[in-house]
Amino acid sequence: MTARKPAAKASAKKCPECKGKGEITETVRVGARKGRATADQQAALCTKCWGTGEALQD
């Protein structure tokens, strides 16, 4: 008797916001009142999928 193969796991759809990476880039802002945007970027957690990279099921 042969061993059973595990069932294929259904792949989840990629998050459209972060394209499956789990993080996005945000522009760095400086200044207390107006928040002037600089040319710098920083990594931020994707708020649509909370860093999983998978699209949430509705």
N, C-alpha and C. Protein backbone atom coordinates (compact mmCIF):
# COMPACT_ATOMS: atom_id res chain seq x y z
N MET A 1 0.84 -1.17 0.00
CA MET A 1 0.00 0.00 0.00
C MET A 1 0.90 1.25 0.00
N THR A 2 0.58 2.18 -0.83
CA THR A 2 1.40 3.39 -0.93
C THR A 2 0.90 4.46 0.03
N ALA A 3 1.80 5.35 0.38
CA ALA A 3 1.44 6.44 1.30
C ALA A 3 0.57 7.47 0.58
N ARG A 4 -0.35 8.04 1.32
CA ARG A 4 -1.22 9.06 0.75
C ARG A 4 -0.48 10.38 0.59
N LYS A 5 -0.79 11.07 -0.47
CA LYS A 5 -0.22 12.39 -0.69
C LYS A 5 -1.11 13.42 0.00
N PRO A 6 -0.52 14.43 0.63
CA PRO A 6 -1.35 15.44 1.26
C PRO A 6 -2.14 16.23 0.22
N ALA A 7 -3.32 16.64 0.61
CA ALA A 7 -4.18 17.41 -0.29
C ALA A 7 -3.52 18.74 -0.63
N ALA A 8 -3.71 19.19 -1.84
CA ALA A 8 -3.12 20.47 -2.26
C ALA A 8 -3.81 21.61 -1.52
N LYS A 9 -3.01 22.49 -0.96
CA LYS A 9 -3.55 23.62 -0.21
C LYS A 9 -3.97 24.72 -1.19
N ALA A 10 -5.17 25.22 -1.01
CA ALA A 10 -5.66 26.28 -1.89
C ALA A 10 -4.86 27.55 -1.63
N SER A 11 -4.30 28.12 -2.67
CA SER A 11 -3.50 29.32 -2.49
C SER A 11 -4.41 30.53 -2.33
N ALA A 12 -4.08 31.36 -1.36
CA ALA A 12 -4.86 32.56 -1.11
C ALA A 12 -4.48 33.63 -2.11
N LYS A 13 -5.42 34.51 -2.39
CA LYS A 13 -5.15 35.60 -3.32
C LYS A 13 -4.22 36.61 -2.67
N LYS A 14 -3.37 37.22 -3.49
CA LYS A 14 -2.45 38.23 -2.99
C LYS A 14 -3.20 39.52 -2.69
N CYS A 15 -2.73 40.22 -1.69
CA CYS A 15 -3.31 41.50 -1.31
C CYS A 15 -3.05 42.50 -2.44
N PRO A 16 -4.08 43.20 -2.92
CA PRO A 16 -3.86 44.15 -4.02
C PRO A 16 -3.10 45.40 -3.58
N GLU A 17 -3.15 45.73 -2.31
CA GLU A 17 -2.49 46.94 -1.81
C GLU A 17 -0.97 46.77 -1.77
N CYS A 18 -0.49 45.66 -1.22
CA CYS A 18 0.97 45.45 -1.07
C CYS A 18 1.52 44.43 -2.06
N LYS A 19 0.67 43.87 -2.91
CA LYS A 19 1.05 42.87 -3.91
C LYS A 19 1.68 41.63 -3.30
N GLY A 20 1.18 41.22 -2.12
CA GLY A 20 1.63 40.00 -1.48
C GLY A 20 2.89 40.11 -0.65
N LYS A 21 3.45 41.30 -0.50
CA LYS A 21 4.68 41.47 0.26
C LYS A 21 4.44 41.64 1.75
N GLY A 22 3.30 42.21 2.13
CA GLY A 22 3.00 42.41 3.54
C GLY A 22 3.40 43.78 4.07
N GLU A 23 4.15 44.53 3.28
CA GLU A 23 4.52 45.87 3.71
C GLU A 23 4.51 46.83 2.52
N ILE A 24 4.30 48.10 2.81
CA ILE A 24 4.25 49.13 1.80
C ILE A 24 5.25 50.22 2.15
N THR A 25 5.47 51.17 1.28
CA THR A 25 6.37 52.27 1.58
C THR A 25 5.55 53.53 1.84
N GLU A 26 5.97 54.27 2.82
CA GLU A 26 5.32 55.52 3.21
C GLU A 26 6.32 56.66 3.07
N THR A 27 5.84 57.83 2.71
CA THR A 27 6.68 59.01 2.63
C THR A 27 6.92 59.54 4.04
N VAL A 28 8.17 59.89 4.33
CA VAL A 28 8.52 60.44 5.63
C VAL A 28 8.10 61.90 5.68
N ARG A 29 7.40 62.28 6.75
CA ARG A 29 6.96 63.66 6.93
C ARG A 29 7.65 64.24 8.15
N VAL A 30 8.07 65.52 8.05
CA VAL A 30 8.73 66.20 9.16
C VAL A 30 8.00 67.50 9.44
N GLY A 31 8.07 67.94 10.68
CA GLY A 31 7.42 69.19 11.08
C GLY A 31 6.18 68.91 11.89
N ALA A 32 5.97 69.73 12.91
CA ALA A 32 4.86 69.50 13.83
C ALA A 32 3.52 69.95 13.26
N ARG A 33 3.50 71.07 12.58
CA ARG A 33 2.21 71.62 12.15
C ARG A 33 1.80 71.19 10.75
N LYS A 34 2.64 71.42 9.77
CA LYS A 34 2.25 71.17 8.38
C LYS A 34 2.68 69.79 7.88
N GLY A 35 3.65 69.18 8.48
CA GLY A 35 4.09 67.85 8.07
C GLY A 35 4.66 67.85 6.66
N ARG A 36 5.73 68.58 6.44
CA ARG A 36 6.35 68.67 5.12
C ARG A 36 6.86 67.30 4.69
N ALA A 37 6.52 66.89 3.47
CA ALA A 37 6.96 65.60 2.94
C ALA A 37 8.39 65.72 2.45
N THR A 38 9.20 64.72 2.77
CA THR A 38 10.59 64.68 2.30
C THR A 38 10.69 63.66 1.17
N ALA A 39 11.86 63.54 0.58
CA ALA A 39 12.07 62.58 -0.49
C ALA A 39 12.34 61.18 0.05
N ASP A 40 12.45 61.03 1.36
CA ASP A 40 12.76 59.74 1.97
C ASP A 40 11.52 58.85 2.06
N GLN A 41 11.76 57.55 2.10
CA GLN A 41 10.69 56.55 2.22
C GLN A 41 11.01 55.63 3.39
N GLN A 42 9.97 55.06 4.00
CA GLN A 42 10.17 54.07 5.06
C GLN A 42 9.17 52.94 4.87
N ALA A 43 9.52 51.77 5.35
CA ALA A 43 8.64 50.60 5.24
C ALA A 43 7.56 50.70 6.31
N ALA A 44 6.36 50.28 5.96
CA ALA A 44 5.24 50.28 6.88
C ALA A 44 4.43 49.01 6.68
N LEU A 45 3.77 48.56 7.71
CA LEU A 45 2.92 47.37 7.65
C LEU A 45 1.69 47.68 6.82
N CYS A 46 1.32 46.79 5.93
CA CYS A 46 0.13 46.97 5.10
C CYS A 46 -1.11 46.91 5.99
N THR A 47 -1.96 47.91 5.90
CA THR A 47 -3.15 47.97 6.75
C THR A 47 -4.32 47.17 6.19
N LYS A 48 -4.23 46.76 4.94
CA LYS A 48 -5.31 45.96 4.35
C LYS A 48 -5.22 44.49 4.77
N CYS A 49 -4.00 43.95 4.80
CA CYS A 49 -3.84 42.52 5.11
C CYS A 49 -3.11 42.30 6.43
N TRP A 50 -2.72 43.36 7.12
CA TRP A 50 -2.00 43.31 8.40
C TRP A 50 -0.72 42.51 8.31
N GLY A 51 -0.01 42.64 7.17
CA GLY A 51 1.30 42.04 7.02
C GLY A 51 1.33 40.59 6.58
N THR A 52 0.20 39.99 6.31
CA THR A 52 0.18 38.59 5.89
C THR A 52 0.45 38.45 4.40
N GLY A 53 0.11 39.45 3.60
CA GLY A 53 0.28 39.38 2.17
C GLY A 53 -0.87 38.70 1.44
N GLU A 54 -1.84 38.22 2.19
CA GLU A 54 -2.99 37.53 1.61
C GLU A 54 -4.22 38.43 1.69
N ALA A 55 -5.03 38.43 0.64
CA ALA A 55 -6.24 39.23 0.63
C ALA A 55 -7.23 38.69 1.66
N LEU A 56 -7.85 39.58 2.39
CA LEU A 56 -8.82 39.17 3.40
C LEU A 56 -10.12 38.73 2.74
N GLN A 57 -10.71 37.72 3.30
CA GLN A 57 -11.99 37.20 2.79
C GLN A 57 -13.14 38.04 3.33
N ASP A 58 -14.04 38.46 2.46
CA ASP A 58 -15.23 39.22 2.91
C ASP A 58 -16.44 38.35 2.94
